[in-house]
């Protein structure tokens, strides 16, 4: 018997209808006409980080919002305004220091896609600088009130090692809690696409009367498609951003975008984004976007995290399912041997193990042994702790 493909619940259909842009009142009302579990609607709204879309969509459709949604929406707007103020402040500070930078997604994307900071939920500011400028940028951010949060308290002598293994580190403002993810690579999957020079992609967008450098046009659309495919479009907020930029594009512009994505080796990422925007958000997309098996696989993997019995579960509730799915998605994106070799290395060697046991580059192949050994050690330690906790007072620990 063939297993039926999971379909979105009535609650997810309503949340997705609210994520269309411009607001589609007819779609929202049609989705709301179905019997709904409103606590589940709220859970899905939080899981997909689309409070602004749902709040504004329900209001536009003349529908009563679930209890507490308005309060949560105000918190989202306040957080957005905080990150807006920080983006303009940090952009000016880095400009004065002569550090070229680009703000990815966040408030810059909110301005480009919606012209309104009350729609998209901004969790942090993603800041991209050239690898050579990372150390100076960290110093500048520390002087601006930020402190390294992840990894915590890394000394700058180990920064080159960190940069070889991951694409970013996280800093948090000591007073306000504002977050900056500092990137030295745009993409976590090495070898998937060439990394551009900052000067080639930086374009200013005006936010609150002040310029903030960001991505625009085709480079932005391709970046969003890669980011979304990397995470299997597991949050509707990413697809909503892509769809908002897609909506005003002419057919010839979409065709040109697809040609560019294919030329850069990421055609399946873009086509899977178009496919999901068409299926879930009603976007008008070319008929052949799912013509290849690779794109169909990326879409199916996305569905695995979006739909089904666990569709309201956060990533932390099902980390194993999430990691398995995004790993398969990464494998499906590209089949070139060099890319797959880098992917295998990144999956096998944990960055934390490299930082704990720093090695010079000629000796780094030893991480192929060190990293699994440390994993086994951590697993053994967890088992030991579990045995101690399970032992009753005055009784020997279970020996299995």
Protein backbone atom coordinates (compact mmCIF):
# COMPACT_ATOMS: atom_id res chain seq x y z
CA UNK A 1 0.00 0.00 0.00
CA UNK A 2 1.40 3.40 -1.00
CA UNK A 3 1.80 5.81 1.88
CA UNK A 4 -0.18 8.99 1.41
CA UNK A 5 1.80 12.20 1.48
CA UNK A 6 1.21 14.39 4.53
CA UNK A 7 -0.90 17.48 3.94
CA UNK A 8 -1.02 20.73 5.90
CA UNK A 9 -3.63 20.92 8.63
CA UNK A 10 -6.48 23.43 8.49
CA UNK A 11 -4.58 25.49 11.09
CA UNK A 12 -1.41 25.58 9.02
CA UNK A 13 -3.42 26.53 5.93
CA UNK A 14 -4.78 29.54 7.81
CA UNK A 15 -1.33 30.59 9.01
CA UNK A 16 0.03 30.21 5.46
CA UNK A 17 -2.87 32.25 4.06
CA UNK A 18 -1.95 35.04 6.47
CA UNK A 19 1.65 34.90 5.19
CA UNK A 20 0.69 35.89 1.64
CA UNK A 21 1.83 39.34 0.63
CA UNK A 22 0.19 41.64 -0.17
CA UNK A 23 -2.47 40.53 2.32
CA UNK A 24 -4.99 38.23 0.63
CA UNK A 25 -8.23 38.74 2.56
CA UNK A 26 -10.18 36.23 0.45
CA UNK A 27 -7.62 33.47 1.09
CA UNK A 28 -7.61 34.17 4.83
CA UNK A 29 -11.40 34.10 5.09
CA UNK A 30 -11.60 30.88 3.07
CA UNK A 31 -9.02 29.20 5.33
CA UNK A 32 -10.76 30.48 8.47
CA UNK A 33 -14.09 29.00 7.34
CA UNK A 34 -12.84 25.52 8.24
CA UNK A 35 -13.21 24.15 11.80
CA UNK A 36 -10.07 25.31 13.63
CA UNK A 37 -8.17 24.51 16.79
CA UNK A 38 -7.18 28.07 17.73
CA UNK A 39 -4.54 27.10 20.33
CA UNK A 40 -2.90 25.13 17.52
CA UNK A 41 -3.04 28.23 15.30
CA UNK A 42 -1.20 30.14 18.03
CA UNK A 43 1.37 27.34 18.40
CA UNK A 44 2.00 27.32 14.65
CA UNK A 45 2.27 31.10 14.58
CA UNK A 46 5.00 30.94 17.20
CA UNK A 47 6.75 27.96 15.61
CA UNK A 48 6.97 29.74 12.24
CA UNK A 49 7.70 33.16 13.78
CA UNK A 50 4.93 34.85 11.81
CA UNK A 51 3.09 36.72 14.57
CA UNK A 52 3.01 39.93 12.51
CA UNK A 53 1.55 38.22 9.46
CA UNK A 54 -1.19 36.46 11.41
CA UNK A 55 -2.07 39.50 13.51
CA UNK A 56 -2.30 41.80 10.48
CA UNK A 57 -3.97 39.19 8.27
CA UNK A 58 -6.74 38.36 10.71
CA UNK A 59 -7.37 42.06 11.35
CA UNK A 60 -7.59 42.80 7.62
CA UNK A 61 -10.05 39.94 7.18
CA UNK A 62 -12.20 41.18 10.06
CA UNK A 63 -11.58 38.06 12.15
CA UNK A 64 -11.10 37.95 15.90
CA UNK A 65 -7.52 37.18 16.89
CA UNK A 66 -6.71 34.43 19.40
CA UNK A 67 -6.21 35.67 22.98
CA UNK A 68 -2.76 37.05 23.61
CA UNK A 69 -1.82 37.49 19.95
CA UNK A 70 -2.02 41.29 20.11
CA UNK A 71 0.24 41.40 23.17
CA UNK A 72 2.75 39.12 21.49
CA UNK A 73 2.60 41.25 18.35
CA UNK A 74 3.51 44.37 20.34
CA UNK A 75 6.52 42.55 21.78
CA UNK A 76 7.61 41.57 18.27
CA UNK A 77 7.35 45.17 17.08
CA UNK A 78 9.35 46.43 20.06
CA UNK A 79 12.08 43.86 19.38
CA UNK A 80 12.08 44.80 15.70
CA UNK A 81 12.54 48.47 16.55
CA UNK A 82 15.45 47.59 18.84
CA UNK A 83 17.21 45.71 16.06
CA UNK A 84 16.41 48.50 13.60
CA UNK A 85 18.11 51.06 15.85
CA UNK A 86 21.07 48.72 16.31
CA UNK A 87 21.42 48.06 12.56
CA UNK A 88 21.64 51.76 11.73
CA UNK A 89 23.99 52.42 14.67
CA UNK A 90 26.34 49.55 13.81
CA UNK A 91 26.27 50.35 10.09
CA UNK A 92 27.41 53.89 10.84
CA UNK A 93 30.07 52.70 13.27
CA UNK A 94 31.55 50.19 10.83
CA UNK A 95 31.42 52.75 8.03
CA UNK A 96 33.43 55.18 10.15
CA UNK A 97 35.95 52.39 10.84
CA UNK A 98 36.30 51.66 7.13
CA UNK A 99 34.90 48.12 7.46
CA UNK A 100 32.76 47.05 4.50
CA UNK A 101 29.70 45.12 5.66
CA UNK A 102 26.34 43.80 4.51
CA UNK A 103 23.25 43.22 6.67
CA UNK A 104 21.56 39.97 5.62
CA UNK A 105 17.81 39.48 6.10
CA UNK A 106 16.57 41.16 9.30
CA UNK A 107 15.41 44.78 9.27
CA UNK A 108 16.95 45.49 5.86
CA UNK A 109 14.88 42.71 4.29
CA UNK A 110 11.80 43.88 6.21
CA UNK A 111 12.18 47.31 4.61
CA UNK A 112 12.75 45.92 1.11
CA UNK A 113 9.95 43.35 1.21
CA UNK A 114 7.26 45.12 3.23
CA UNK A 115 8.26 48.74 3.82
CA UNK A 116 7.06 48.17 7.37
CA UNK A 117 8.85 46.90 10.47
CA UNK A 118 5.59 45.58 11.90
CA UNK A 119 5.25 42.58 9.57
CA UNK A 120 8.36 40.41 9.69
CA UNK A 121 9.65 39.13 13.04
CA UNK A 122 13.33 40.08 13.42
CA UNK A 123 15.23 37.84 15.82
CA UNK A 124 18.70 39.27 15.22
CA UNK A 125 20.90 41.24 12.85
CA UNK A 126 22.92 39.06 10.49
CA UNK A 127 26.09 40.96 9.62
CA UNK A 128 28.47 39.84 6.86
CA UNK A 129 32.07 41.10 6.66
CA UNK A 130 35.13 39.91 4.79
CA UNK A 131 37.20 37.25 6.64
CA UNK A 132 40.10 39.70 6.94
CA UNK A 133 37.83 42.15 8.83
CA UNK A 134 36.32 39.75 11.35
CA UNK A 135 38.71 40.45 14.23
CA UNK A 136 38.41 44.24 13.80
CA UNK A 137 34.61 43.92 13.60
CA UNK A 138 34.46 41.95 16.85
CA UNK A 139 36.53 44.64 18.57
CA UNK A 140 34.24 47.36 17.16
CA UNK A 141 31.14 45.49 18.34
CA UNK A 142 32.62 44.96 21.79
CA UNK A 143 33.28 48.69 22.01
CA UNK A 144 29.63 49.22 21.01
CA UNK A 145 28.42 47.17 23.98
CA UNK A 146 28.34 43.64 22.57
CA UNK A 147 29.95 40.51 24.00
CA UNK A 148 30.66 37.14 22.42
CA UNK A 149 27.90 34.71 23.32
CA UNK A 150 28.47 31.70 21.07
CA UNK A 151 31.12 30.49 21.30
CA UNK A 152 31.60 32.30 24.63
CA UNK A 153 34.83 34.04 25.52
CA UNK A 154 36.83 32.76 22.56
CA UNK A 155 40.20 34.47 22.42
CA UNK A 156 41.13 36.06 19.11
CA UNK A 157 44.10 33.69 18.74
CA UNK A 158 41.64 30.86 18.07
CA UNK A 159 39.44 32.92 15.76
CA UNK A 160 41.14 31.69 12.53
CA UNK A 161 40.43 28.10 13.62
CA UNK A 162 36.77 28.93 14.30
CA UNK A 163 36.47 30.63 10.92
CA UNK A 164 37.71 27.51 9.15
CA UNK A 165 34.93 25.40 10.66
CA UNK A 166 31.82 27.59 10.84
CA UNK A 167 30.43 30.66 9.09
CA UNK A 168 29.43 32.84 12.04
CA UNK A 169 29.61 33.67 15.71
CA UNK A 170 26.98 35.31 17.91
CA UNK A 171 27.30 38.48 19.95
CA UNK A 172 24.72 39.95 22.35
CA UNK A 173 24.41 43.47 23.66
CA UNK A 174 25.17 43.53 27.36
CA UNK A 175 22.35 45.96 28.22
CA UNK A 176 19.56 45.45 25.68
CA UNK A 177 20.00 41.81 24.65
CA UNK A 178 20.09 42.74 20.95
CA UNK A 179 21.75 39.96 18.93
CA UNK A 180 24.22 40.12 16.05
CA UNK A 181 25.19 37.00 14.12
CA UNK A 182 28.56 37.95 12.65
CA UNK A 183 29.18 36.11 9.37
CA UNK A 184 32.41 35.74 7.43
CA UNK A 185 30.72 33.48 4.89
CA UNK A 186 27.22 33.92 3.49
CA UNK A 187 26.53 30.21 3.30
CA UNK A 188 27.16 27.36 5.73
CA UNK A 189 27.52 24.79 2.90
CA UNK A 190 31.02 25.26 1.57
CA UNK A 191 31.42 24.68 -2.14
CA UNK A 192 27.74 25.10 -2.92
CA UNK A 193 28.23 28.54 -4.48
CA UNK A 194 31.09 31.01 -4.79
CA UNK A 195 31.34 33.55 -2.00
CA UNK A 196 31.03 37.10 -3.40
CA UNK A 197 33.13 40.12 -2.51
CA UNK A 198 31.34 42.52 -0.16
CA UNK A 199 31.82 45.46 -2.53
CA UNK A 200 30.15 43.54 -5.36
CA UNK A 201 26.90 42.89 -3.50
CA UNK A 202 26.45 45.74 -0.98
CA UNK A 203 23.61 48.12 -1.83
CA UNK A 204 22.16 50.72 0.55
CA UNK A 205 18.58 50.64 1.82
CA UNK A 206 17.22 53.56 3.83
CA UNK A 207 15.79 52.63 7.23
CA UNK A 208 14.56 55.40 9.48
CA UNK A 209 16.26 57.93 7.24
CA UNK A 210 19.66 56.22 7.57
CA UNK A 211 21.50 53.98 5.06
CA UNK A 212 22.11 50.32 5.84
CA UNK A 213 24.11 48.18 3.36
CA UNK A 214 22.33 45.00 2.29
CA UNK A 215 21.60 42.59 -0.57
CA UNK A 216 19.07 43.47 -3.25
CA UNK A 217 17.74 42.06 -6.52
CA UNK A 218 18.84 38.68 -7.85
CA UNK A 219 21.65 38.15 -5.31
CA UNK A 220 19.12 38.57 -2.50
CA UNK A 221 16.61 36.17 -4.07
CA UNK A 222 19.29 33.52 -4.59
CA UNK A 223 20.60 33.98 -1.05
CA UNK A 224 17.10 33.56 0.40
CA UNK A 225 16.51 30.46 -1.74
CA UNK A 226 19.75 28.84 -0.55
CA UNK A 227 19.10 29.74 3.08
CA UNK A 228 15.56 28.38 2.91
CA UNK A 229 16.55 25.16 1.16
CA UNK A 230 19.37 24.66 3.69
CA UNK A 231 16.74 24.62 6.43
CA UNK A 232 14.12 22.78 4.31
CA UNK A 233 11.86 25.85 4.46
CA UNK A 234 10.96 24.61 7.93
CA UNK A 235 9.68 28.08 8.90
CA UNK A 236 7.06 29.91 6.88
CA UNK A 237 8.66 33.28 7.71
CA UNK A 238 11.52 32.51 5.28
CA UNK A 239 9.14 31.52 2.51
CA UNK A 240 6.98 34.60 3.18
CA UNK A 241 10.00 36.88 2.68
CA UNK A 242 10.92 35.16 -0.59
CA UNK A 243 7.30 35.32 -1.75
CA UNK A 244 6.94 39.03 -0.91
CA UNK A 245 9.90 39.85 -3.17
CA UNK A 246 8.67 37.43 -5.84
CA UNK A 247 5.12 38.84 -6.03
CA UNK A 248 5.93 42.05 -8.01
CA UNK A 249 8.42 40.33 -10.38
CA UNK A 250 7.54 40.03 -14.07
CA UNK A 251 7.70 36.68 -15.83
CA UNK A 252 10.84 37.69 -17.76
CA UNK A 253 12.54 38.72 -14.52
CA UNK A 254 11.72 35.34 -12.94
CA UNK A 255 13.12 33.59 -16.02
CA UNK A 256 16.32 35.63 -15.80
CA UNK A 257 16.60 34.82 -12.09
CA UNK A 258 16.28 31.09 -12.81
CA UNK A 259 18.96 31.28 -15.50
CA UNK A 260 21.33 33.01 -13.08
CA UNK A 261 20.67 30.44 -10.35
CA UNK A 262 21.37 27.59 -12.77
CA UNK A 263 24.57 29.29 -13.94
CA UNK A 264 25.72 29.60 -10.33
CA UNK A 265 24.95 25.93 -9.66
CA UNK A 266 21.99 26.46 -7.32
CA UNK A 267 19.05 26.08 -9.70
CA UNK A 268 17.38 23.36 -7.57
CA UNK A 269 17.43 25.65 -4.51
CA UNK A 270 15.67 28.43 -6.37
CA UNK A 271 13.16 26.15 -8.08
CA UNK A 272 12.24 24.48 -4.79
CA UNK A 273 11.63 27.96 -3.33
CA UNK A 274 9.38 28.82 -6.27
CA UNK A 275 7.55 25.50 -5.92
CA UNK A 276 6.80 25.98 -2.22
CA UNK A 277 5.80 29.62 -2.73
CA UNK A 278 3.33 28.45 -5.35
CA UNK A 279 1.93 25.56 -3.31
CA UNK A 280 1.72 27.21 0.10
CA UNK A 281 1.39 30.93 -0.58
CA UNK A 282 -0.43 30.99 -3.91
CA UNK A 283 2.40 32.58 -5.89
CA UNK A 284 2.25 32.49 -9.67
CA UNK A 285 5.29 30.41 -10.70
CA UNK A 286 6.47 28.67 -13.90
CA UNK A 287 4.85 25.29 -14.59
CA UNK A 288 8.17 23.44 -14.84
CA UNK A 289 9.69 24.32 -11.44
CA UNK A 290 9.34 20.71 -10.24
CA UNK A 291 10.52 19.14 -13.48
CA UNK A 292 13.66 17.59 -11.96
CA UNK A 293 13.92 14.82 -9.39
CA UNK A 294 16.32 16.92 -7.32
CA UNK A 295 13.78 19.72 -6.90
CA UNK A 296 11.01 17.26 -6.08
CA UNK A 297 13.21 15.74 -3.39
CA UNK A 298 13.93 19.14 -1.85
CA UNK A 299 10.20 19.89 -1.79
CA UNK A 300 9.39 16.51 -0.24
CA UNK A 301 12.01 17.05 2.48
CA UNK A 302 10.53 20.46 3.20
CA UNK A 303 7.09 18.89 3.53
CA UNK A 304 8.51 16.44 6.06
CA UNK A 305 9.26 19.28 8.48
CA UNK A 306 6.22 21.41 7.66
CA UNK A 307 3.36 18.93 7.70
CA UNK A 308 2.12 15.92 9.62
CA UNK A 309 1.54 15.02 13.24
CA UNK A 310 4.57 16.99 14.42
CA UNK A 311 3.96 20.14 12.40
CA UNK A 312 3.58 22.29 15.54
CA UNK A 313 6.78 20.92 17.14
CA UNK A 314 9.72 23.26 17.57
CA UNK A 315 13.12 22.20 16.25
CA UNK A 316 14.27 21.53 19.82
CA UNK A 317 11.35 19.13 20.31
CA UNK A 318 12.53 16.81 17.52
CA UNK A 319 16.24 17.53 16.91
CA UNK A 320 16.93 14.10 15.41
CA UNK A 321 14.20 14.38 12.78
CA UNK A 322 15.30 17.92 11.95
CA UNK A 323 18.99 17.04 11.58
CA UNK A 324 18.30 13.97 9.44
CA UNK A 325 16.08 15.96 7.12
CA UNK A 326 18.36 18.95 6.63
CA UNK A 327 21.31 16.60 6.06
CA UNK A 328 19.41 14.88 3.25
CA UNK A 329 18.48 18.30 1.89
CA UNK A 330 22.13 19.39 1.85
CA UNK A 331 23.06 16.21 -0.05
CA UNK A 332 20.26 16.82 -2.56
CA UNK A 333 21.35 20.37 -3.36
CA UNK A 334 24.44 19.44 -5.37
CA UNK A 335 26.23 16.27 -6.47
CA UNK A 336 29.75 17.50 -7.29
CA UNK A 337 32.43 15.43 -5.50
CA UNK A 338 34.23 18.45 -4.05
CA UNK A 339 31.05 19.77 -2.48
CA UNK A 340 30.07 16.36 -1.08
CA UNK A 341 33.56 15.88 0.39
CA UNK A 342 33.33 19.21 2.23
CA UNK A 343 29.85 18.33 3.40
CA UNK A 344 31.03 14.99 4.76
CA UNK A 345 33.88 16.72 6.63
CA UNK A 346 31.51 19.28 8.17
CA UNK A 347 29.12 16.55 9.31
CA UNK A 348 31.89 14.39 10.79
CA UNK A 349 34.03 16.99 12.58
CA UNK A 350 32.35 19.07 15.30
CA UNK A 351 33.61 22.69 15.57
CA UNK A 352 33.60 22.43 19.37
CA UNK A 353 36.08 19.56 19.19
CA UNK A 354 38.41 21.61 17.02
CA UNK A 355 38.27 24.54 19.44
CA UNK A 356 38.87 22.24 22.40
CA UNK A 357 41.87 20.59 20.70
CA UNK A 358 43.45 23.28 18.48
CA UNK A 359 45.69 21.84 15.77
CA UNK A 360 47.76 23.46 13.03
CA UNK A 361 46.42 22.97 9.50
CA UNK A 362 48.82 20.13 8.54
CA UNK A 363 47.51 18.06 11.48
CA UNK A 364 43.80 18.77 11.06
CA UNK A 365 43.04 15.44 9.36
CA UNK A 366 43.45 14.05 12.90
CA UNK A 367 40.05 15.59 13.69
CA UNK A 368 38.58 12.67 11.75
CA UNK A 369 39.67 10.56 14.72
CA UNK A 370 39.52 13.13 17.52
CA UNK A 371 35.94 14.26 16.91
CA UNK A 372 34.26 10.82 17.02
CA UNK A 373 36.42 9.87 20.01
CA UNK A 374 35.20 12.94 21.88
CA UNK A 375 31.61 12.17 20.88
CA UNK A 376 31.93 8.69 22.33
CA UNK A 377 33.43 10.16 25.49
CA UNK A 378 30.51 12.54 25.89
CA UNK A 379 28.03 9.71 25.31
CA UNK A 380 29.78 7.58 27.93
CA UNK A 381 29.70 10.47 30.40
CA UNK A 382 25.95 10.89 29.86
CA UNK A 383 25.39 7.20 30.47
CA UNK A 384 27.45 7.34 33.64
CA UNK A 385 25.50 10.34 34.93
CA UNK A 386 22.24 8.56 34.10
CA UNK A 387 23.34 5.50 36.01
CA UNK A 388 24.23 7.57 39.05
CA UNK A 389 20.92 9.42 38.99
CA UNK A 390 19.03 6.14 38.62
CA UNK A 391 20.76 4.51 41.58
CA UNK A 392 18.73 4.55 44.80
CA UNK A 393 20.34 5.67 48.07
CA UNK A 394 21.95 2.72 49.78
CA UNK A 395 21.69 0.52 46.68
CA UNK A 396 24.41 -0.23 44.10
CA UNK A 397 24.14 1.50 40.74
CA UNK A 398 22.57 -0.59 37.97
CA UNK A 399 25.27 -2.61 36.21
CA UNK A 400 23.21 -3.70 33.16
